[in-house]
Amino acid sequence: SEGDDGVFGNVGGEDDGNNDNEIVGTPANVTQDSFELMGRTITVTASTLIDDSIIERALGQEFDGDDQRFDQVPGGLTLADLLPGNFAVVVEVNASDVALRIEDL
């Protein structure tokens, strides 16, 4: 991907193998469009990608699909449904702590 060549989105130039844009932890204080993770407030937008396994967990059944944009998750699931705070997630964020993608571990 473009991010692997040290040119795109890599602050500081050196690639030490750690993605500074990924935060791992268990979500807390989940609201309609945000949650706290590792002391940071993460905002979720319509285009935030939600891992299909998180959707399956929230639905309580298999989900026949891929990762979904937050505004397209099935079953009227809310952010609190998707992130009940009982499992850890990996969140890819931009510089403004807006979630680009939320995956489970």
PDB file of N, CA and C in Angstrom:
ATOM      1  N   SER A   1       0.839  -1.190   0.000  1.00  0.00           N
ATOM      2  CA  SER A   1       0.000   0.000   0.000  1.00  0.00           C
ATOM      3  C   SER A   1       0.876   1.242   0.000  1.00  0.00           C
ATOM      4  N   GLU A   2       0.275   2.362  -0.273  1.00  0.00           N
ATOM      5  CA  GLU A   2       1.033   3.604  -0.341  1.00  0.00           C
ATOM      6  C   GLU A   2       1.670   3.950   0.993  1.00  0.00           C
ATOM      7  N   GLY A   3       1.069   3.507   2.085  1.00  0.00           N
ATOM      8  CA  GLY A   3       1.579   3.855   3.401  1.00  0.00           C
ATOM      9  C   GLY A   3       2.857   3.141   3.768  1.00  0.00           C
ATOM     10  N   ASP A   4       3.272   2.165   2.987  1.00  0.00           N
ATOM     11  CA  ASP A   4       4.429   1.364   3.365  1.00  0.00           C
ATOM     12  C   ASP A   4       5.752   1.906   2.848  1.00  0.00           C
ATOM     13  N   ASP A   5       5.703   2.936   2.010  1.00  0.00           N
ATOM     14  CA  ASP A   5       6.951   3.383   1.407  1.00  0.00           C
ATOM     15  C   ASP A   5       7.557   4.587   2.128  1.00  0.00           C
ATOM     16  N   GLY A   6       6.988   4.962   3.274  1.00  0.00           N
ATOM     17  CA  GLY A   6       7.556   6.028   4.068  1.00  0.00           C
ATOM     18  C   GLY A   6       7.224   7.413   3.560  1.00  0.00           C
ATOM     19  N   VAL A   7       6.424   7.504   2.508  1.00  0.00           N
ATOM     20  CA  VAL A   7       6.116   8.811   1.940  1.00  0.00           C
ATOM     21  C   VAL A   7       4.759   9.310   2.409  1.00  0.00           C
ATOM     22  N   PHE A   8       3.773   8.421   2.431  1.00  0.00           N
ATOM     23  CA  PHE A   8       2.414   8.842   2.745  1.00  0.00           C
ATOM     24  C   PHE A   8       2.090   8.600   4.206  1.00  0.00           C
ATOM     25  N   GLY A   9       1.623   9.623   4.878  1.00  0.00           N
ATOM     26  CA  GLY A   9       1.058   9.479   6.208  1.00  0.00           C
ATOM     27  C   GLY A   9       2.019   8.991   7.259  1.00  0.00           C
ATOM     28  N   ASN A  10       3.308   9.166   7.037  1.00  0.00           N
ATOM     29  CA  ASN A  10       4.255   8.685   8.027  1.00  0.00           C
ATOM     30  C   ASN A  10       4.992   9.874   8.614  1.00  0.00           C
ATOM     31  N   VAL A  11       4.598  10.295   9.786  1.00  0.00           N
ATOM     32  CA  VAL A  11       5.206  11.456  10.430  1.00  0.00           C
ATOM     33  C   VAL A  11       6.575  11.069  10.969  1.00  0.00           C
ATOM     34  N   GLY A  12       7.576  11.858  10.653  1.00  0.00           N
ATOM     35  CA  GLY A  12       8.900  11.607  11.210  1.00  0.00           C
ATOM     36  C   GLY A  12       9.825  10.837  10.299  1.00  0.00           C
ATOM     37  N   GLY A  13       9.303  10.267   9.238  1.00  0.00           N
ATOM     38  CA  GLY A  13      10.173   9.632   8.253  1.00  0.00           C
ATOM     39  C   GLY A  13      10.522   8.191   8.549  1.00  0.00           C
ATOM     40  N   GLU A  14      11.051   7.895   9.727  1.00  0.00           N
ATOM     41  CA  GLU A  14      11.448   6.524  10.052  1.00  0.00           C
ATOM     42  C   GLU A  14      10.218   5.664  10.276  1.00  0.00           C
ATOM     43  N   ASP A  15      10.191   4.497   9.655  1.00  0.00           N
ATOM     44  CA  ASP A  15       9.101   3.564   9.895  1.00  0.00           C
ATOM     45  C   ASP A  15       9.609   2.475  10.824  1.00  0.00           C
ATOM     46  N   ASP A  16       9.168   2.533  12.089  1.00  0.00           N
ATOM     47  CA  ASP A  16       9.649   1.560  13.068  1.00  0.00           C
ATOM     48  C   ASP A  16       8.725   0.365  13.197  1.00  0.00           C
ATOM     49  N   GLY A  17       7.751   0.273  12.308  1.00  0.00           N
ATOM     50  CA  GLY A  17       6.833  -0.856  12.342  1.00  0.00           C
ATOM     51  C   GLY A  17       5.608  -0.597  13.188  1.00  0.00           C
ATOM     52  N   ASN A  18       5.611   0.481  13.966  1.00  0.00           N
ATOM     53  CA  ASN A  18       4.436   0.824  14.763  1.00  0.00           C
ATOM     54  C   ASN A  18       3.593   1.828  14.008  1.00  0.00           C
ATOM     55  N   ASN A  19       2.295   1.616  14.023  1.00  0.00           N
ATOM     56  CA  ASN A  19       1.402   2.567  13.390  1.00  0.00           C
ATOM     57  C   ASN A  19       0.898   3.518  14.460  1.00  0.00           C
ATOM     58  N   ASP A  20       1.383   4.759  14.442  1.00  0.00           N
ATOM     59  CA  ASP A  20       0.979   5.735  15.441  1.00  0.00           C
ATOM     60  C   ASP A  20      -0.486   6.103  15.320  1.00  0.00           C
ATOM     61  N   ASN A  21      -1.108   5.710  14.214  1.00  0.00           N
ATOM     62  CA  ASN A  21      -2.498   6.050  13.996  1.00  0.00           C
ATOM     63  C   ASN A  21      -3.443   4.958  14.473  1.00  0.00           C
ATOM     64  N   GLU A  22      -2.910   3.928  15.129  1.00  0.00           N
ATOM     65  CA  GLU A  22      -3.761   2.868  15.646  1.00  0.00           C
ATOM     66  C   GLU A  22      -3.749   2.894  17.160  1.00  0.00           C
ATOM     67  N   ILE A  23      -4.934   2.824  17.743  1.00  0.00           N
ATOM     68  CA  ILE A  23      -5.083   2.792  19.191  1.00  0.00           C
ATOM     69  C   ILE A  23      -5.776   1.485  19.540  1.00  0.00           C
ATOM     70  N   VAL A  24      -5.238   0.770  20.520  1.00  0.00           N
ATOM     71  CA  VAL A  24      -5.821  -0.498  20.954  1.00  0.00           C
ATOM     72  C   VAL A  24      -6.313  -0.337  22.377  1.00  0.00           C
ATOM     73  N   GLY A  25      -7.519  -0.783  22.626  1.00  0.00           N
ATOM     74  CA  GLY A  25      -8.047  -0.737  23.980  1.00  0.00           C
ATOM     75  C   GLY A  25      -9.513  -1.090  23.987  1.00  0.00           C
ATOM     76  N   THR A  26     -10.114  -0.993  25.167  1.00  0.00           N
ATOM     77  CA  THR A  26     -11.534  -1.287  25.312  1.00  0.00           C
ATOM     78  C   THR A  26     -12.299   0.032  25.381  1.00  0.00           C
ATOM     79  N   PRO A  27     -13.270   0.220  24.488  1.00  0.00           N
ATOM     80  CA  PRO A  27     -14.019   1.480  24.451  1.00  0.00           C
ATOM     81  C   PRO A  27     -14.780   1.736  25.748  1.00  0.00           C
ATOM     82  N   ALA A  28     -14.876   3.002  26.129  1.00  0.00           N
ATOM     83  CA  ALA A  28     -15.634   3.413  27.309  1.00  0.00           C
ATOM     84  C   ALA A  28     -16.437   4.657  26.957  1.00  0.00           C
ATOM     85  N   ASN A  29     -17.445   4.938  27.763  1.00  0.00           N
ATOM     86  CA  ASN A  29     -18.264   6.144  27.593  1.00  0.00           C
ATOM     87  C   ASN A  29     -18.729   6.323  26.152  1.00  0.00           C
ATOM     88  N   VAL A  30     -19.317   5.249  25.606  1.00  0.00           N
ATOM     89  CA  VAL A  30     -19.766   5.273  24.217  1.00  0.00           C
ATOM     90  C   VAL A  30     -21.033   6.117  24.105  1.00  0.00           C
ATOM     91  N   THR A  31     -21.024   7.061  23.165  1.00  0.00           N
ATOM     92  CA  THR A  31     -22.201   7.893  22.899  1.00  0.00           C
ATOM     93  C   THR A  31     -22.717   7.570  21.506  1.00  0.00           C
ATOM     94  N   GLN A  32     -23.550   8.439  20.980  1.00  0.00           N
ATOM     95  CA  GLN A  32     -24.120   8.210  19.657  1.00  0.00           C
ATOM     96  C   GLN A  32     -23.049   8.230  18.578  1.00  0.00           C
ATOM     97  N   ASP A  33     -22.025   9.063  18.752  1.00  0.00           N
ATOM     98  CA  ASP A  33     -21.020   9.199  17.695  1.00  0.00           C
ATOM     99  C   ASP A  33     -19.591   9.351  18.203  1.00  0.00           C
ATOM    100  N   SER A  34     -19.338   8.897  19.438  1.00  0.00           N
ATOM    101  CA  SER A  34     -17.974   8.955  19.939  1.00  0.00           C
ATOM    102  C   SER A  34     -17.787   7.941  21.059  1.00  0.00           C
ATOM    103  N   PHE A  35     -16.524   7.725  21.422  1.00  0.00           N
ATOM    104  CA  PHE A  35     -16.203   6.878  22.572  1.00  0.00           C
ATOM    105  C   PHE A  35     -14.811   7.245  23.054  1.00  0.00           C
ATOM    106  N   GLU A  36     -14.502   6.812  24.257  1.00  0.00           N
ATOM    107  CA  GLU A  36     -13.182   7.054  24.807  1.00  0.00           C
ATOM    108  C   GLU A  36     -12.354   5.793  24.680  1.00  0.00           C
ATOM    109  N   LEU A  37     -11.090   5.987  24.320  1.00  0.00           N
ATOM    110  CA  LEU A  37     -10.171   4.865  24.167  1.00  0.00           C
ATOM    111  C   LEU A  37      -8.792   5.340  24.601  1.00  0.00           C
ATOM    112  N   MET A  38      -8.243   4.693  25.603  1.00  0.00           N
ATOM    113  CA  MET A  38      -6.905   5.032  26.092  1.00  0.00           C
ATOM    114  C   MET A  38      -6.778   6.529  26.395  1.00  0.00           C
ATOM    115  N   GLY A  39      -7.829   7.092  27.015  1.00  0.00           N
ATOM    116  CA  GLY A  39      -7.794   8.477  27.420  1.00  0.00           C
ATOM    117  C   GLY A  39      -8.059   9.491  26.322  1.00  0.00           C
ATOM    118  N   ARG A  40      -8.366   8.999  25.127  1.00  0.00           N
ATOM    119  CA  ARG A  40      -8.654   9.901  24.012  1.00  0.00           C
ATOM    120  C   ARG A  40     -10.110   9.756  23.611  1.00  0.00           C
ATOM    121  N   THR A  41     -10.711  10.845  23.166  1.00  0.00           N
ATOM    122  CA  THR A  41     -12.082  10.802  22.672  1.00  0.00           C
ATOM    123  C   THR A  41     -12.040  10.606  21.164  1.00  0.00           C
ATOM    124  N   ILE A  42     -12.621   9.507  20.717  1.00  0.00           N
ATOM    125  CA  ILE A  42     -12.613   9.130  19.310  1.00  0.00           C
ATOM    126  C   ILE A  42     -13.986   9.436  18.721  1.00  0.00           C
ATOM    127  N   THR A  43     -14.003  10.136  17.610  1.00  0.00           N
ATOM    128  CA  THR A  43     -15.258  10.463  16.935  1.00  0.00           C
ATOM    129  C   THR A  43     -15.500   9.474  15.801  1.00  0.00           C
ATOM    130  N   VAL A  44     -16.737   9.018  15.679  1.00  0.00           N
ATOM    131  CA  VAL A  44     -17.132   8.099  14.612  1.00  0.00           C
ATOM    132  C   VAL A  44     -17.996   8.877  13.625  1.00  0.00           C
ATOM    133  N   THR A  45     -17.697   8.719  12.335  1.00  0.00           N
ATOM    134  CA  THR A  45     -18.467   9.399  11.300  1.00  0.00           C
ATOM    135  C   THR A  45     -19.211   8.368  10.464  1.00  0.00           C
ATOM    136  N   ALA A  46     -20.027   8.847   9.542  1.00  0.00           N
ATOM    137  CA  ALA A  46     -20.789   7.959   8.662  1.00  0.00           C
ATOM    138  C   ALA A  46     -19.873   7.029   7.882  1.00  0.00           C
ATOM    139  N   SER A  47     -18.678   7.497   7.549  1.00  0.00           N
ATOM    140  CA  SER A  47     -17.790   6.708   6.695  1.00  0.00           C
ATOM    141  C   SER A  47     -16.801   5.841   7.471  1.00  0.00           C
ATOM    142  N   THR A  48     -16.856   5.866   8.817  1.00  0.00           N
ATOM    143  CA  THR A  48     -16.000   4.983   9.610  1.00  0.00           C
ATOM    144  C   THR A  48     -16.316   3.535   9.262  1.00  0.00           C
ATOM    145  N   LEU A  49     -15.292   2.743   8.940  1.00  0.00           N
ATOM    146  CA  LEU A  49     -15.502   1.334   8.618  1.00  0.00           C
ATOM    147  C   LEU A  49     -15.573   0.509   9.893  1.00  0.00           C
ATOM    148  N   ILE A  50     -16.606  -0.317   9.985  1.00  0.00           N
ATOM    149  CA  ILE A  50     -16.806  -1.194  11.134  1.00  0.00           C
ATOM    150  C   ILE A  50     -16.523  -2.630  10.693  1.00  0.00           C
ATOM    151  N   ASP A  51     -15.649  -3.303  11.428  1.00  0.00           N
ATOM    152  CA  ASP A  51     -15.274  -4.683  11.120  1.00  0.00           C
ATOM    153  C   ASP A  51     -16.516  -5.580  11.119  1.00  0.00           C
ATOM    154  N   ASP A  52     -16.608  -6.447  10.130  1.00  0.00           N
ATOM    155  CA  ASP A  52     -17.773  -7.337  10.051  1.00  0.00           C
ATOM    156  C   ASP A  52     -17.916  -8.214  11.288  1.00  0.00           C
ATOM    157  N   SER A  53     -16.799  -8.557  11.937  1.00  0.00           N
ATOM    158  CA  SER A  53     -16.903  -9.405  13.130  1.00  0.00           C
ATOM    159  C   SER A  53     -17.520  -8.634  14.303  1.00  0.00           C
ATOM    160  N   ILE A  54     -17.317  -7.317  14.350  1.00  0.00           N
ATOM    161  CA  ILE A  54     -17.970  -6.499  15.379  1.00  0.00           C
ATOM    162  C   ILE A  54     -19.475  -6.449  15.107  1.00  0.00           C
ATOM    163  N   ILE A  55     -19.835  -6.340  13.843  1.00  0.00           N
ATOM    164  CA  ILE A  55     -21.254  -6.334  13.466  1.00  0.00           C
ATOM    165  C   ILE A  55     -21.906  -7.667  13.839  1.00  0.00           C
ATOM    166  N   GLU A  56     -21.213  -8.773  13.531  1.00  0.00           N
ATOM    167  CA  GLU A  56     -21.742 -10.097  13.871  1.00  0.00           C
ATOM    168  C   GLU A  56     -21.959 -10.231  15.372  1.00  0.00           C
ATOM    169  N   ARG A  57     -20.987  -9.747  16.145  1.00  0.00           N
ATOM    170  CA  ARG A  57     -21.090  -9.851  17.602  1.00  0.00           C
ATOM    171  C   ARG A  57     -22.309  -9.063  18.088  1.00  0.00           C
ATOM    172  N   ALA A  58     -22.521  -7.870  17.531  1.00  0.00           N
ATOM    173  CA  ALA A  58     -23.641  -7.029  17.956  1.00  0.00           C
ATOM    174  C   ALA A  58     -24.981  -7.633  17.537  1.00  0.00           C
ATOM    175  N   LEU A  59     -25.011  -8.252  16.358  1.00  0.00           N
ATOM    176  CA  LEU A  59     -26.245  -8.877  15.875  1.00  0.00           C
ATOM    177  C   LEU A  59     -26.536 -10.190  16.593  1.00  0.00           C
ATOM    178  N   GLY A  60     -25.479 -10.820  17.099  1.00  0.00           N
ATOM    179  CA  GLY A  60     -25.644 -12.122  17.726  1.00  0.00           C
ATOM    180  C   GLY A  60     -25.845 -13.234  16.714  1.00  0.00           C
ATOM    181  N   GLN A  61     -25.425 -12.986  15.481  1.00  0.00           N
ATOM    182  CA  GLN A  61     -25.566 -13.984  14.425  1.00  0.00           C
ATOM    183  C   GLN A  61     -24.561 -13.674  13.328  1.00  0.00           C
ATOM    184  N   GLU A  62     -24.406 -14.639  12.426  1.00  0.00           N
ATOM    185  CA  GLU A  62     -23.490 -14.417  11.316  1.00  0.00           C
ATOM    186  C   GLU A  62     -24.007 -13.312  10.426  1.00  0.00           C
ATOM    187  N   PHE A  63     -23.070 -12.527   9.932  1.00  0.00           N
ATOM    188  CA  PHE A  63     -23.397 -11.421   9.053  1.00  0.00           C
ATOM    189  C   PHE A  63     -22.760 -11.714   7.707  1.00  0.00           C
ATOM    190  N   ASP A  64     -23.579 -11.805   6.673  1.00  0.00           N
ATOM    191  CA  ASP A  64     -23.077 -12.154   5.354  1.00  0.00           C
ATOM    192  C   ASP A  64     -22.676 -10.883   4.619  1.00  0.00           C
ATOM    193  N   GLY A  65     -21.507 -10.397   4.979  1.00  0.00           N
ATOM    194  CA  GLY A  65     -21.041  -9.172   4.348  1.00  0.00           C
ATOM    195  C   GLY A  65     -19.639  -8.848   4.804  1.00  0.00           C
ATOM    196  N   ASP A  66     -19.116  -7.778   4.268  1.00  0.00           N
ATOM    197  CA  ASP A  66     -17.781  -7.341   4.627  1.00  0.00           C
ATOM    198  C   ASP A  66     -17.890  -6.205   5.639  1.00  0.00           C
ATOM    199  N   ASP A  67     -16.754  -5.578   5.908  1.00  0.00           N
ATOM    200  CA  ASP A  67     -16.767  -4.404   6.760  1.00  0.00           C
ATOM    201  C   ASP A  67     -17.745  -3.385   6.171  1.00  0.00           C
ATOM    202  N   GLN A  68     -18.441  -2.677   7.047  1.00  0.00           N
ATOM    203  CA  GLN A  68     -19.476  -1.745   6.619  1.00  0.00           C
ATOM    204  C   GLN A  68     -19.168  -0.334   7.119  1.00  0.00           C
ATOM    205  N   ARG A  69     -19.568   0.654   6.322  1.00  0.00           N
ATOM    206  CA  ARG A  69     -19.538   2.022   6.803  1.00  0.00           C
ATOM    207  C   ARG A  69     -20.516   2.127   7.959  1.00  0.00           C
ATOM    208  N   PHE A  70     -20.202   2.999   8.929  1.00  0.00           N
ATOM    209  CA  PHE A  70     -21.062   3.124  10.103  1.00  0.00           C
ATOM    210  C   PHE A  70     -22.494   3.478   9.713  1.00  0.00           C
ATOM    211  N   ASP A  71     -22.664   4.277   8.660  1.00  0.00           N
ATOM    212  CA  ASP A  71     -24.026   4.656   8.260  1.00  0.00           C
ATOM    213  C   ASP A  71     -24.736   3.553   7.487  1.00  0.00           C
ATOM    214  N   GLN A  72     -24.074   2.411   7.308  1.00  0.00           N
ATOM    215  CA  GLN A  72     -24.683   1.305   6.575  1.00  0.00           C
ATOM    216  C   GLN A  72     -24.734   0.001   7.375  1.00  0.00           C
ATOM    217  N   VAL A  73     -24.453   0.059   8.670  1.00  0.00           N
ATOM    218  CA  VAL A  73     -24.527  -1.174   9.455  1.00  0.00           C
ATOM    219  C   VAL A  73     -25.975  -1.626   9.535  1.00  0.00           C
ATOM    220  N   PRO A  74     -26.179  -2.946   9.520  1.00  0.00           N
ATOM    221  CA  PRO A  74     -27.543  -3.482   9.474  1.00  0.00           C
ATOM    222  C   PRO A  74     -28.239  -3.441  10.830  1.00  0.00           C
ATOM    223  N   GLY A  75     -29.535  -3.623  10.795  1.00  0.00           N
ATOM    224  CA  GLY A  75     -30.300  -3.844  12.016  1.00  0.00           C
ATOM    225  C   GLY A  75     -30.460  -2.628  12.901  1.00  0.00           C
ATOM    226  N   GLY A  76     -30.162  -1.447  12.392  1.00  0.00           N
ATOM    227  CA  GLY A  76     -30.294  -0.248  13.210  1.00  0.00           C
ATOM    228  C   GLY A  76     -29.342  -0.215  14.381  1.00  0.00           C
ATOM    229  N   LEU A  77     -28.223  -0.918  14.253  1.00  0.00           N
ATOM    230  CA  LEU A  77     -27.258  -0.976  15.346  1.00  0.00           C
ATOM    231  C   LEU A  77     -26.681   0.406  15.632  1.00  0.00           C
ATOM    232  N   THR A  78     -26.600   0.736  16.907  1.00  0.00           N
ATOM    233  CA  THR A  78     -25.988   1.998  17.323  1.00  0.00           C
ATOM    234  C   THR A  78     -24.532   1.756  17.695  1.00  0.00           C
ATOM    235  N   LEU A  79     -23.814   2.831  17.922  1.00  0.00           N
ATOM    236  CA  LEU A  79     -22.426   2.693  18.331  1.00  0.00           C
ATOM    237  C   LEU A  79     -22.320   1.954  19.660  1.00  0.00           C
ATOM    238  N   ALA A  80     -23.262   2.206  20.560  1.00  0.00           N
ATOM    239  CA  ALA A  80     -23.263   1.504  21.848  1.00  0.00           C
ATOM    240  C   ALA A  80     -23.531   0.009  21.672  1.00  0.00           C
ATOM    241  N   ASP A  81     -24.339  -0.343  20.663  1.00  0.00           N
ATOM    242  CA  ASP A  81     -24.568  -1.764  20.359  1.00  0.00           C
ATOM    243  C   ASP A  81     -23.279  -2.408  19.860  1.00  0.00           C
ATOM    244  N   LEU A  82     -22.574  -1.681  18.999  1.00  0.00           N
ATOM    245  CA  LEU A  82     -21.368  -2.216  18.365  1.00  0.00           C
ATOM    246  C   LEU A  82     -20.202  -2.286  19.338  1.00  0.00           C
ATOM    247  N   LEU A  83     -20.137  -1.323  20.247  1.00  0.00           N
ATOM    248  CA  LEU A  83     -19.008  -1.228  21.175  1.00  0.00           C
ATOM    249  C   LEU A  83     -19.516  -1.206  22.611  1.00  0.00           C
ATOM    250  N   PRO A  84     -19.948  -2.380  23.109  1.00  0.00           N
ATOM    251  CA  PRO A  84     -20.517  -2.424  24.459  1.00  0.00           C
ATOM    252  C   PRO A  84     -19.480  -2.279  25.566  1.00  0.00           C
ATOM    253  N   GLY A  85     -18.207  -2.274  25.199  1.00  0.00           N
ATOM    254  CA  GLY A  85     -17.169  -2.077  26.207  1.00  0.00           C
ATOM    255  C   GLY A  85     -16.711  -3.348  26.881  1.00  0.00           C
ATOM    256  N   ASN A  86     -17.063  -4.499  26.322  1.00  0.00           N
ATOM    257  CA  ASN A  86     -16.639  -5.762  26.934  1.00  0.00           C
ATOM    258  C   ASN A  86     -15.617  -6.507  26.087  1.00  0.00           C
ATOM    259  N   PHE A  87     -15.075  -5.848  25.070  1.00  0.00           N
ATOM    260  CA  PHE A  87     -13.975  -6.430  24.307  1.00  0.00           C
ATOM    261  C   PHE A  87     -13.125  -5.301  23.742  1.00  0.00           C
ATOM    262  N   ALA A  88     -11.857  -5.623  23.506  1.00  0.00           N
ATOM    263  CA  ALA A  88     -10.912  -4.627  23.011  1.00  0.00           C
ATOM    264  C   ALA A  88     -11.021  -4.495  21.494  1.00  0.00           C
ATOM    265  N   VAL A  89     -10.703  -3.315  21.017  1.00  0.00           N
ATOM    266  CA  VAL A  89     -10.739  -3.037  19.589  1.00  0.00           C
ATOM    267  C   VAL A  89      -9.440  -2.352  19.168  1.00  0.00           C
ATOM    268  N   VAL A  90      -9.202  -2.380  17.863  1.00  0.00           N
ATOM    269  CA  VAL A  90      -8.118  -1.620  17.251  1.00  0.00           C
ATOM    270  C   VAL A  90      -8.789  -0.538  16.423  1.00  0.00           C
ATOM    271  N   VAL A  91      -8.439   0.704  16.690  1.00  0.00           N
ATOM    272  CA  VAL A  91      -9.058   1.815  15.979  1.00  0.00           C
ATOM    273  C   VAL A  91      -7.984   2.576  15.216  1.00  0.00           C
ATOM    274  N   GLU A  92      -8.190   2.694  13.914  1.00  0.00           N
ATOM    275  CA  GLU A  92      -7.311   3.517  13.089  1.00  0.00           C
ATOM    276  C   GLU A  92      -7.917   4.914  13.053  1.00  0.00           C
ATOM    277  N   VAL A  93      -7.148   5.907  13.482  1.00  0.00           N
ATOM    278  CA  VAL A  93      -7.647   7.278  13.560  1.00  0.00           C
ATOM    279  C   VAL A  93      -6.829   8.203  12.675  1.00  0.00           C
ATOM    280  N   ASN A  94      -7.418   9.349  12.359  1.00  0.00           N
ATOM    281  CA  ASN A  94      -6.645  10.390  11.688  1.00  0.00           C
ATOM    282  C   ASN A  94      -6.093  11.345  12.741  1.00  0.00           C
ATOM    283  N   ALA A  95      -5.456  12.413  12.323  1.00  0.00           N
ATOM    284  CA  ALA A  95      -4.797  13.322  13.254  1.00  0.00           C
ATOM    285  C   ALA A  95      -5.782  14.013  14.195  1.00  0.00           C
ATOM    286  N   SER A  96      -7.054  14.034  13.824  1.00  0.00           N
ATOM    287  CA  SER A  96      -8.079  14.680  14.654  1.00  0.00           C
ATOM    288  C   SER A  96      -8.827  13.688  15.535  1.00  0.00           C
ATOM    289  N   ASP A  97      -8.291  12.462  15.669  1.00  0.00           N
ATOM    290  CA  ASP A  97      -8.933  11.400  16.452  1.00  0.00           C
ATOM    291  C   ASP A  97     -10.311  11.041  15.926  1.00  0.00           C
ATOM    292  N   VAL A  98     -10.476  11.127  14.604  1.00  0.00           N
ATOM    293  CA  VAL A  98     -11.685  10.611  13.966  1.00  0.00           C
ATOM    294  C   VAL A  98     -11.381   9.183  13.520  1.00  0.00           C
ATOM    295  N   ALA A  99     -12.273   8.254  13.863  1.00  0.00           N
ATOM    296  CA  ALA A  99     -12.049   6.843  13.538  1.00  0.00           C
ATOM    297  C   ALA A  99     -12.224   6.618  12.047  1.00  0.00           C
ATOM    298  N   LEU A 100     -11.207   6.024  11.418  1.00  0.00           N
ATOM    299  CA  LEU A 100     -11.299   5.634  10.019  1.00  0.00           C
ATOM    300  C   LEU A 100     -11.797   4.201   9.917  1.00  0.00           C
ATOM    301  N   ARG A 101     -11.369   3.367  10.881  1.00  0.00           N
ATOM    302  CA  ARG A 101     -11.725   1.944  10.866  1.00  0.00           C
ATOM    303  C   ARG A 101     -11.692   1.437  12.302  1.00  0.00           C
ATOM    304  N   ILE A 102     -12.666   0.579  12.631  1.00  0.00           N
ATOM    305  CA  ILE A 102     -12.712  -0.055  13.939  1.00  0.00           C
ATOM    306  C   ILE A 102     -12.760  -1.554  13.717  1.00  0.00           C
ATOM    307  N   GLU A 103     -11.773  -2.257  14.293  1.00  0.00           N
ATOM    308  CA  GLU A 103     -11.691  -3.714  14.146  1.00  0.00           C
ATOM    309  C   GLU A 103     -11.582  -4.323  15.533  1.00  0.00           C
ATOM    310  N   ASP A 104     -12.010  -5.583  15.642  1.00  0.00           N
ATOM    311  CA  ASP A 104     -11.732  -6.243  16.903  1.00  0.00           C
ATOM    312  C   ASP A 104     -10.375  -6.933  16.813  1.00  0.00           C
ATOM    313  N   LEU A 105      -9.867  -7.356  17.955  1.00  0.00           N
ATOM    314  CA  LEU A 105      -8.526  -7.961  17.998  1.00  0.00           C
ATOM    315  C   LEU A 105      -8.553  -9.400  17.528  1.00  0.00           C
TER     316      LEU A 105
END
